[in-house]
Structure formats: C-alpha cells, structure tokens
Amino acid sequence: MVLGNNRVYGTEKYVIDIASGISKNEFEVTVAIPEEGPISTVLSNLQIPQYVYNNGKMDFFSLKGTSNLLKYIYISGFDIIHANNGIIPCVIGLLLGVKMKIENKHGLYLEDEIKNYSFSKVFKEKIKQYFTNITLVTSTHDKNIVTKYFNYNSGKIRIVSNRIDFQKLKLSKNRFNNFEKNSEINICSVGRLTYQKNQEVMIRSMSHVVKKYKNAKLSIVGTGEDKEELLKLINELNLNNSVKILPYTDKIPEFLDSNDIFILTSRFEGVTYAVQEAMGMGIPVISTYVGGLQDLLINRKNSLVVPSGNYTETSEAIIELIENKDLYNSISSNGISCIKENSLDKMISEITSVYNNF
C-alpha cells in the first residue's frame, strides 16, 4: 500500500485501518511512505511493516522517490500494489508485471470544476484506468463521476468506503438531551478551514441561532488558509462569545463527546470520519448532502440535511434539533444504528474480497 504523505489524515487512516485489520494469515501488508513522520510512529506501534522511499516532498512523486519505489517493489516481489496517492505505483507495477494494480481514488470531485478541466487534465484522468486492474472509489457519487466524465469501465470500479471502528467509540449515557436543563448547547464541527468545508455558512447560521438561544455555542476544530477570514467574520457578526475556532486535535472522539450537535456545511465531501464518529456516538448530525455523504445520510432519519450554502436553513435545522426532543433522540438513535451496521469490519470484508480476486 503506497501513500504520498506522512501525516495521519483521512487517506492515511484508511490505509492504517486496512493494514491493521486485514487477516495476517492471508496477507502480508507493507505500507510505503515518502518520508518519516507522524504516520511512522502509528505504523510502528501497530507493528505494520513500513518502507520509506525518501521522496523529498509530499503528495507528488519525485524522480528519486519513484526510482527508490521501483527498486523496492522489484526486489520484494509483491503480488498486489494498492496506490493511495496517484497512479505512479500502478505504472511501476505494470512495468514489473505485478499481478494486481489498484488505484484508490480518494479525490473529492466537484462537477462544476470538472466541467472546466483542460483537455490535457481530462486526458490524464482517462488514461489512468489502463494502468490498473481495479479502481477503488469511496462512494457511489465518485463512481458516477469517473464513469461520466472520464469514461471509466464501471465493471472495473469497486466502492469501498472508509469506515470507523464502532467498538472504539464512546457512547455517552447522557446523549439524549433535554436542552432546557443544559447551561450550554454545544455545537461542533471538525475540518480543515478551507473553501471545501465552507465554515462561513455555519458561522452565519449561528448569528440567527443565538438570537433565540444565547446559550448556544459553536466550536470549530481545524486549521487552514481560511482561518483569518473566518475569525474576521466572527468578529463582524459579534459572535466572539458564541463561536470559537480551536486548533486541530488527534483526539476527535474525546472532543465530540462534550458536544450535543455536529454540523458540516461542505461544498463537496467524501465519507468523512468525523461525521461517522459523531453519528456513532449518538450526536445528531446536520450536514449538506454532497459527495460521498449521499451514501450515508438519510434526511430526518439519521441526520438533518440542508442545502449547500444556505445559512438560513442551517440555522433552522439547529433550532429544530434544540426544540424537538423526539426528533433529536430519533436521529441520535438511528445514527448509532447506521454506523454500527456499516462499521470497520464491513470495510475490511470488502477490501479482502477485492484483494482475493487477483
């Protein structure tokens, strides 16, 4: 399994979960990383073999890194290459006669952007399929995108969504809330402070919520290029006492456990870990219905779905959860059931099935 970064975010968690959860009697897994970093410690602690291909940069294969990777794959004689950051490892695999080459597309596709792709960019996406035996995507949305815009053979595409380990989640006995008794109504969000996540919408929605519920608080965990603009907006809307931006933490479940509602206002999205963790912990989710989330969310059953970019309807959804205890409890309970039924074991079973077809 080849990675292009040494951090521990969504793609890296996906790889770690597969490498640690798959049957050791059937598969010997090595994770190739570009440089030593935070993921090195995680892999070592889990006793997962790792190879550092000394790439010199992240998210882009250098000539040196590619050469090192080629030599290592040639010497090691792998049966399967599972590429998680571009097609280069599969190209190497094709040159060396590796039996199965898999590209995992973790990319998040926004149709309006794809329509403006240059001819060369579309061509590059189209030819990738010819270096692989199987293309993995994480959602039905992404499968539809690559078949519609890049002419992929749908028969060579498999959907394996990232899933979480339900057994490791903390289920609070006090999750079902009576907000009239709470000193604060704690709302939270987790995600990079960037265009994709569109946190401006949740901040603007809070300006409406606090007019009715002054005890409502929003905490946004994340870092990113939009931080200063978001802080400026919080100040302009006089929400400094109601909205806080907190630094990223790798202890997301612990942070989530102190909150009552989770909110995500993304323009485009995959099947995010934070949303799954919130649902699995019984925290009702308010989210846009975009990308991979369409495979997970059912409006007014396991979540409340709001239009992308609409802060009025987002604020109305928050207020409805505060005021409608039956709806809050129903979404909380159904969220737990959804994640329990679609937990990590299911993902491992799906990837095992893909690997066994080589």
Protein backbone atom coordinates (compact mmCIF):
# COMPACT_ATOMS: atom_id res chain seq x y z
CA MET A 1 0.00 0.00 0.00
CA VAL A 2 1.59 3.25 -1.16
CA LEU A 3 0.98 6.66 0.42
CA GLY A 4 2.10 10.08 -0.71
CA ASN A 5 2.15 11.77 2.68
CA ASN A 6 3.49 11.10 6.18
CA ARG A 7 0.69 12.80 8.10
CA VAL A 8 -2.32 10.96 9.58
CA TYR A 9 -5.46 12.32 7.93
CA GLY A 10 -8.34 10.60 6.12
CA THR A 11 -6.43 8.71 3.42
CA GLU A 12 -3.75 7.63 5.85
CA LYS A 13 -6.33 6.43 8.39
CA TYR A 14 -7.98 4.39 5.65
CA VAL A 15 -4.67 2.67 4.86
CA ILE A 16 -3.82 2.11 8.52
CA ASP A 17 -7.24 0.55 9.17
CA ILE A 18 -6.84 -1.87 6.26
CA ALA A 19 -3.23 -2.77 7.05
CA SER A 20 -4.00 -3.42 10.72
CA GLY A 21 -7.42 -5.04 10.29
CA ILE A 22 -6.93 -7.41 7.37
CA SER A 23 -6.19 -11.09 8.03
CA LYS A 24 -2.50 -11.65 8.72
CA ASN A 25 -2.96 -15.29 7.71
CA GLU A 26 -3.95 -14.26 4.17
CA PHE A 27 -1.94 -11.11 3.53
CA GLU A 28 1.42 -9.62 4.39
CA VAL A 29 1.00 -5.84 4.13
CA THR A 30 3.74 -3.23 3.86
CA VAL A 31 2.96 0.49 3.82
CA ALA A 32 5.28 2.66 1.71
CA ILE A 33 5.57 6.29 2.85
CA PRO A 34 7.50 9.22 1.28
CA GLU A 35 9.34 10.33 4.43
CA GLU A 36 9.36 9.51 8.12
CA GLY A 37 6.77 11.46 10.07
CA PRO A 38 3.70 11.10 12.34
CA ILE A 39 2.47 8.05 10.45
CA SER A 40 5.77 6.26 11.12
CA THR A 41 5.01 6.14 14.84
CA VAL A 42 1.49 4.87 14.27
CA LEU A 43 2.68 2.11 11.94
CA SER A 44 5.43 1.11 14.36
CA ASN A 45 3.03 0.96 17.31
CA LEU A 46 0.72 -1.29 15.28
CA GLN A 47 3.67 -3.40 14.13
CA ILE A 48 2.86 -2.75 10.48
CA PRO A 49 5.95 -3.04 8.23
CA GLN A 50 6.83 0.22 6.51
CA TYR A 51 9.17 1.32 3.75
CA VAL A 52 10.37 4.94 3.42
CA TYR A 53 11.04 5.70 -0.23
CA ASN A 54 12.76 9.04 0.52
CA ASN A 55 10.69 11.09 -1.89
CA GLY A 56 11.82 14.51 -0.65
CA LYS A 57 8.32 16.00 -0.96
CA MET A 58 4.70 15.22 -0.16
CA ASP A 59 1.74 14.46 -2.47
CA PHE A 60 3.89 14.35 -5.60
CA PHE A 61 6.23 11.58 -6.74
CA SER A 62 9.77 12.84 -7.30
CA LEU A 63 12.22 11.11 -9.67
CA LYS A 64 14.26 9.93 -6.68
CA GLY A 65 11.24 8.61 -4.80
CA THR A 66 9.86 6.87 -7.88
CA SER A 67 13.21 5.21 -8.55
CA ASN A 68 13.50 4.01 -4.95
CA LEU A 69 9.97 2.66 -5.00
CA LEU A 70 10.58 0.82 -8.27
CA LYS A 71 13.70 -0.87 -6.91
CA TYR A 72 11.95 -1.87 -3.69
CA ILE A 73 8.92 -3.35 -5.47
CA TYR A 74 11.19 -5.21 -7.88
CA ILE A 75 13.26 -6.75 -5.08
CA SER A 76 10.27 -7.56 -2.83
CA GLY A 77 8.09 -9.29 -5.42
CA PHE A 78 4.68 -8.01 -4.29
CA ASP A 79 1.50 -9.62 -5.66
CA ILE A 80 -0.64 -6.51 -5.17
CA ILE A 81 0.08 -2.79 -5.35
CA HIS A 82 -2.57 -0.61 -3.74
CA ALA A 83 -1.84 3.03 -4.67
CA ASN A 84 -3.44 5.70 -2.48
CA ASN A 85 -1.92 8.86 -3.90
CA GLY A 86 -1.79 8.78 -7.68
CA ILE A 87 -1.14 6.35 -10.48
CA ILE A 88 2.70 6.14 -10.40
CA PRO A 89 2.86 2.99 -8.20
CA CYS A 90 0.49 1.25 -10.65
CA VAL A 91 2.66 2.30 -13.60
CA ILE A 92 5.62 0.74 -11.77
CA GLY A 93 3.56 -2.37 -11.14
CA LEU A 94 2.64 -2.68 -14.81
CA LEU A 95 6.30 -2.37 -15.84
CA LEU A 96 7.32 -5.04 -13.33
CA GLY A 97 4.48 -7.44 -14.08
CA VAL A 98 2.77 -7.17 -10.67
CA LYS A 99 -0.38 -9.32 -10.74
CA MET A 100 -2.85 -6.75 -9.36
CA LYS A 101 -2.62 -2.97 -9.57
CA ILE A 102 -5.21 -0.94 -7.65
CA GLU A 103 -5.61 2.82 -7.68
CA ASN A 104 -7.69 4.16 -4.81
CA LYS A 105 -9.27 7.48 -5.78
CA HIS A 106 -9.61 9.43 -2.55
CA GLY A 107 -10.11 12.63 -4.52
CA LEU A 108 -13.18 14.76 -3.90
CA TYR A 109 -14.91 15.65 -7.14
CA LEU A 110 -16.89 18.86 -7.69
CA GLU A 111 -18.76 18.65 -11.00
CA ASP A 112 -18.61 22.37 -11.74
CA GLU A 113 -14.83 22.22 -11.51
CA ILE A 114 -14.54 19.10 -13.69
CA LYS A 115 -16.55 20.80 -16.43
CA ASN A 116 -13.79 23.41 -16.61
CA TYR A 117 -10.90 20.92 -16.73
CA SER A 118 -8.47 21.39 -19.59
CA PHE A 119 -8.28 18.75 -22.33
CA SER A 120 -4.90 17.57 -21.03
CA LYS A 121 -6.18 17.18 -17.46
CA VAL A 122 -9.19 15.16 -18.60
CA PHE A 123 -6.93 13.02 -20.79
CA LYS A 124 -4.60 12.28 -17.86
CA GLU A 125 -7.55 11.16 -15.75
CA LYS A 126 -8.91 8.97 -18.53
CA ILE A 127 -5.69 7.03 -19.20
CA LYS A 128 -5.10 6.11 -15.55
CA GLN A 129 -7.53 3.20 -15.81
CA TYR A 130 -5.28 1.46 -18.32
CA PHE A 131 -2.53 1.01 -15.71
CA THR A 132 -4.81 -0.71 -13.20
CA ASN A 133 -6.82 -3.88 -12.78
CA ILE A 134 -9.26 -2.25 -10.36
CA THR A 135 -10.10 1.33 -9.47
CA LEU A 136 -11.41 1.86 -5.95
CA VAL A 137 -13.63 4.80 -5.02
CA THR A 138 -15.18 5.63 -1.68
CA SER A 139 -18.74 6.44 -2.78
CA THR A 140 -21.41 5.97 -5.43
CA HIS A 141 -21.02 9.67 -6.24
CA ASP A 142 -17.36 9.25 -7.15
CA LYS A 143 -18.10 6.14 -9.22
CA ASN A 144 -20.68 8.10 -11.20
CA ILE A 145 -18.22 10.95 -11.72
CA VAL A 146 -15.35 8.84 -13.09
CA THR A 147 -17.66 6.92 -15.43
CA LYS A 148 -19.46 10.03 -16.67
CA TYR A 149 -16.53 12.41 -17.14
CA PHE A 150 -13.52 10.10 -17.55
CA ASN A 151 -15.17 7.15 -19.35
CA TYR A 152 -14.09 4.53 -16.83
CA ASN A 153 -15.35 0.99 -17.31
CA SER A 154 -17.87 0.64 -14.48
CA GLY A 155 -17.14 -3.09 -14.32
CA LYS A 156 -13.59 -2.34 -13.13
CA ILE A 157 -14.69 0.05 -10.38
CA ARG A 158 -15.32 -1.05 -6.80
CA ILE A 159 -16.74 1.05 -3.99
CA VAL A 160 -15.02 0.60 -0.63
CA SER A 161 -15.97 3.42 1.72
CA ASN A 162 -13.83 4.42 4.64
CA ARG A 163 -15.44 3.15 7.83
CA ILE A 164 -14.70 3.52 11.52
CA ASP A 165 -14.31 1.04 14.35
CA PHE A 166 -17.63 1.31 16.16
CA GLN A 167 -16.33 -0.68 19.12
CA LYS A 168 -13.81 2.06 19.96
CA LEU A 169 -16.39 4.84 20.18
CA LYS A 170 -17.52 6.25 23.49
CA LEU A 171 -21.29 6.09 23.85
CA SER A 172 -22.43 8.60 26.45
CA LYS A 173 -25.29 7.51 28.69
CA ASN A 174 -26.47 11.11 28.74
CA ARG A 175 -26.60 11.64 24.97
CA PHE A 176 -30.36 12.15 24.82
CA ASN A 177 -30.62 15.73 25.93
CA ASN A 178 -33.20 17.97 27.48
CA PHE A 179 -31.77 21.31 26.48
CA GLU A 180 -33.90 23.23 28.95
CA LYS A 181 -31.71 21.81 31.71
CA ASN A 182 -28.39 22.48 29.99
CA SER A 183 -26.35 25.55 30.85
CA GLU A 184 -24.95 25.46 27.31
CA ILE A 185 -25.99 23.97 23.97
CA ASN A 186 -22.73 22.77 22.48
CA ILE A 187 -22.50 22.57 18.68
CA CYS A 188 -19.31 21.48 16.97
CA SER A 189 -17.61 20.94 13.63
CA VAL A 190 -14.33 19.33 12.58
CA GLY A 191 -12.50 20.04 9.34
CA ARG A 192 -9.81 21.98 7.54
CA LEU A 193 -10.55 25.71 7.36
CA THR A 194 -10.82 25.88 3.61
CA TYR A 195 -13.14 26.54 0.64
CA GLN A 196 -14.33 22.94 0.57
CA LYS A 197 -15.67 22.97 4.13
CA ASN A 198 -17.41 26.37 3.77
CA GLN A 199 -17.48 27.14 7.50
CA GLU A 200 -18.74 30.64 6.71
CA VAL A 201 -22.23 29.14 6.44
CA MET A 202 -22.23 27.61 9.93
CA ILE A 203 -20.87 30.84 11.43
CA ARG A 204 -23.57 32.94 9.75
CA SER A 205 -26.20 30.44 10.88
CA MET A 206 -25.12 30.97 14.49
CA SER A 207 -25.96 34.68 14.27
CA HIS A 208 -29.60 33.56 13.91
CA VAL A 209 -29.45 30.78 16.49
CA VAL A 210 -28.03 32.94 19.30
CA LYS A 211 -30.82 35.47 18.91
CA LYS A 212 -33.15 32.78 20.25
CA TYR A 213 -30.70 30.70 22.30
CA LYS A 214 -27.96 32.81 23.81
CA ASN A 215 -26.55 29.70 25.48
CA ALA A 216 -25.75 28.08 22.10
CA LYS A 217 -22.01 27.73 21.42
CA LEU A 218 -20.20 26.59 18.26
CA SER A 219 -16.68 25.14 18.38
CA ILE A 220 -14.84 24.57 15.09
CA VAL A 221 -11.76 22.35 15.25
CA GLY A 222 -9.28 22.74 12.43
CA THR A 223 -6.51 24.70 10.75
CA GLY A 224 -6.25 26.07 7.24
CA GLU A 225 -5.89 29.01 4.90
CA ASP A 226 -9.33 30.48 5.67
CA LYS A 227 -8.73 30.91 9.40
CA GLU A 228 -8.15 34.68 9.38
CA GLU A 229 -11.18 35.33 7.19
CA LEU A 230 -13.37 33.22 9.45
CA LEU A 231 -12.09 34.98 12.57
CA LYS A 232 -12.84 38.30 10.89
CA LEU A 233 -16.39 37.15 10.12
CA ILE A 234 -16.92 36.02 13.72
CA ASN A 235 -15.85 39.46 14.90
CA GLU A 236 -18.03 41.29 12.35
CA LEU A 237 -21.10 39.33 13.46
CA ASN A 238 -20.31 39.93 17.16
CA LEU A 239 -20.09 36.20 17.79
CA ASN A 240 -16.83 36.15 19.74
CA ASN A 241 -18.61 34.77 22.81
CA SER A 242 -20.56 32.19 20.81
CA VAL A 243 -18.18 30.84 18.15
CA LYS A 244 -14.63 29.58 18.73
CA ILE A 245 -12.01 28.17 16.35
CA LEU A 246 -9.88 25.59 18.12
CA PRO A 247 -6.59 24.00 16.97
CA TYR A 248 -6.69 20.56 15.41
CA THR A 249 -6.51 17.61 17.77
CA ASP A 250 -5.98 13.92 17.05
CA LYS A 251 -8.41 13.12 19.88
CA ILE A 252 -11.55 13.89 17.94
CA PRO A 253 -13.88 11.36 19.69
CA GLU A 254 -12.99 12.87 23.07
CA PHE A 255 -13.77 16.34 21.73
CA LEU A 256 -17.04 15.22 20.15
CA ASP A 257 -18.25 13.62 23.36
CA SER A 258 -18.66 17.01 25.05
CA ASN A 259 -20.99 18.28 22.30
CA ASP A 260 -24.69 17.99 21.56
CA ILE A 261 -24.91 18.61 17.79
CA PHE A 262 -22.42 18.14 14.94
CA ILE A 263 -22.57 20.35 11.85
CA LEU A 264 -20.90 20.14 8.43
CA THR A 265 -21.51 22.70 5.67
CA SER A 266 -19.17 21.38 2.96
CA ARG A 267 -19.48 22.25 -0.72
CA PHE A 268 -18.15 18.79 -1.62
CA GLU A 269 -17.14 15.89 0.57
CA GLY A 270 -16.20 12.23 0.85
CA VAL A 271 -17.43 9.87 3.56
CA THR A 272 -15.81 11.77 6.40
CA TYR A 273 -14.51 10.17 9.58
CA ALA A 274 -15.77 12.99 11.81
CA VAL A 275 -19.37 12.65 10.60
CA GLN A 276 -19.26 8.88 11.14
CA GLU A 277 -17.74 9.30 14.61
CA ALA A 278 -20.41 11.82 15.59
CA MET A 279 -23.22 9.58 14.33
CA GLY A 280 -21.73 6.52 16.00
CA MET A 281 -21.56 8.38 19.30
CA GLY A 282 -25.21 9.39 19.05
CA ILE A 283 -24.54 13.06 18.28
CA PRO A 284 -27.16 14.27 15.75
CA VAL A 285 -25.59 15.49 12.52
CA ILE A 286 -26.65 18.44 10.40
CA SER A 287 -24.94 18.30 7.02
CA THR A 288 -25.06 19.22 3.38
CA TYR A 289 -25.99 16.34 1.08
CA VAL A 290 -22.91 16.25 -1.10
CA GLY A 291 -20.43 13.72 -2.50
CA GLY A 292 -19.91 10.55 -0.51
CA LEU A 293 -22.26 11.70 2.23
CA GLN A 294 -25.13 10.79 -0.09
CA ASP A 295 -24.29 7.13 0.60
CA LEU A 296 -24.53 7.68 4.35
CA LEU A 297 -27.12 10.31 5.26
CA ILE A 298 -30.91 9.94 5.24
CA ASN A 299 -32.71 13.20 5.93
CA ARG A 300 -34.81 13.25 9.09
CA LYS A 301 -33.84 9.65 9.88
CA ASN A 302 -30.14 9.56 10.78
CA SER A 303 -29.39 13.24 10.12
CA LEU A 304 -30.81 16.59 9.07
CA VAL A 305 -29.81 17.52 5.52
CA VAL A 306 -29.52 21.18 4.50
CA PRO A 307 -28.81 22.85 1.13
CA SER A 308 -25.19 23.79 0.48
CA GLY A 309 -24.55 27.48 1.10
CA ASN A 310 -27.89 28.17 2.82
CA TYR A 311 -27.24 29.53 6.32
CA THR A 312 -30.93 30.30 6.95
CA GLU A 313 -31.98 26.67 6.59
CA THR A 314 -28.89 25.59 8.51
CA SER A 315 -29.88 27.78 11.47
CA GLU A 316 -33.44 26.48 11.26
CA ALA A 317 -32.12 22.90 11.44
CA ILE A 318 -30.09 23.70 14.56
CA ILE A 319 -33.09 25.31 16.23
CA GLU A 320 -35.33 22.36 15.30
CA LEU A 321 -32.96 19.91 16.98
CA ILE A 322 -32.85 22.10 20.08
CA GLU A 323 -36.62 22.36 20.30
CA ASN A 324 -37.78 18.94 19.06
CA LYS A 325 -36.59 16.38 21.60
CA ASP A 326 -38.28 13.45 19.82
CA LEU A 327 -36.52 14.29 16.55
CA TYR A 328 -33.20 14.77 18.36
CA ASN A 329 -33.49 11.38 20.07
CA SER A 330 -34.64 9.61 16.91
CA ILE A 331 -31.74 10.94 14.80
CA SER A 332 -29.32 10.12 17.62
CA SER A 333 -30.51 6.52 17.90
CA ASN A 334 -30.65 5.95 14.14
CA GLY A 335 -27.18 7.43 13.70
CA ILE A 336 -25.76 4.88 16.13
CA SER A 337 -27.51 2.02 14.31
CA CYS A 338 -26.27 3.21 10.90
CA ILE A 339 -22.60 3.30 11.93
CA LYS A 340 -22.86 0.05 13.89
CA GLU A 341 -24.20 -1.71 10.76
CA ASN A 342 -21.56 -0.14 8.48
CA SER A 343 -18.52 -0.42 10.70
CA LEU A 344 -14.86 -1.19 10.02
CA ASP A 345 -15.44 -4.95 9.74
CA LYS A 346 -17.57 -4.34 6.65
CA MET A 347 -14.81 -2.29 5.00
CA ILE A 348 -12.21 -4.97 5.74
CA SER A 349 -14.51 -7.62 4.26
CA GLU A 350 -14.98 -5.55 1.09
CA ILE A 351 -11.26 -4.90 0.57
CA THR A 352 -10.46 -8.56 1.28
CA SER A 353 -12.88 -9.52 -1.48
CA VAL A 354 -11.10 -7.16 -3.90
CA TYR A 355 -7.65 -8.49 -2.99
CA ASN A 356 -8.76 -12.12 -3.30
CA ASN A 357 -9.72 -11.58 -6.94
CA PHE A 358 -6.13 -11.04 -8.09
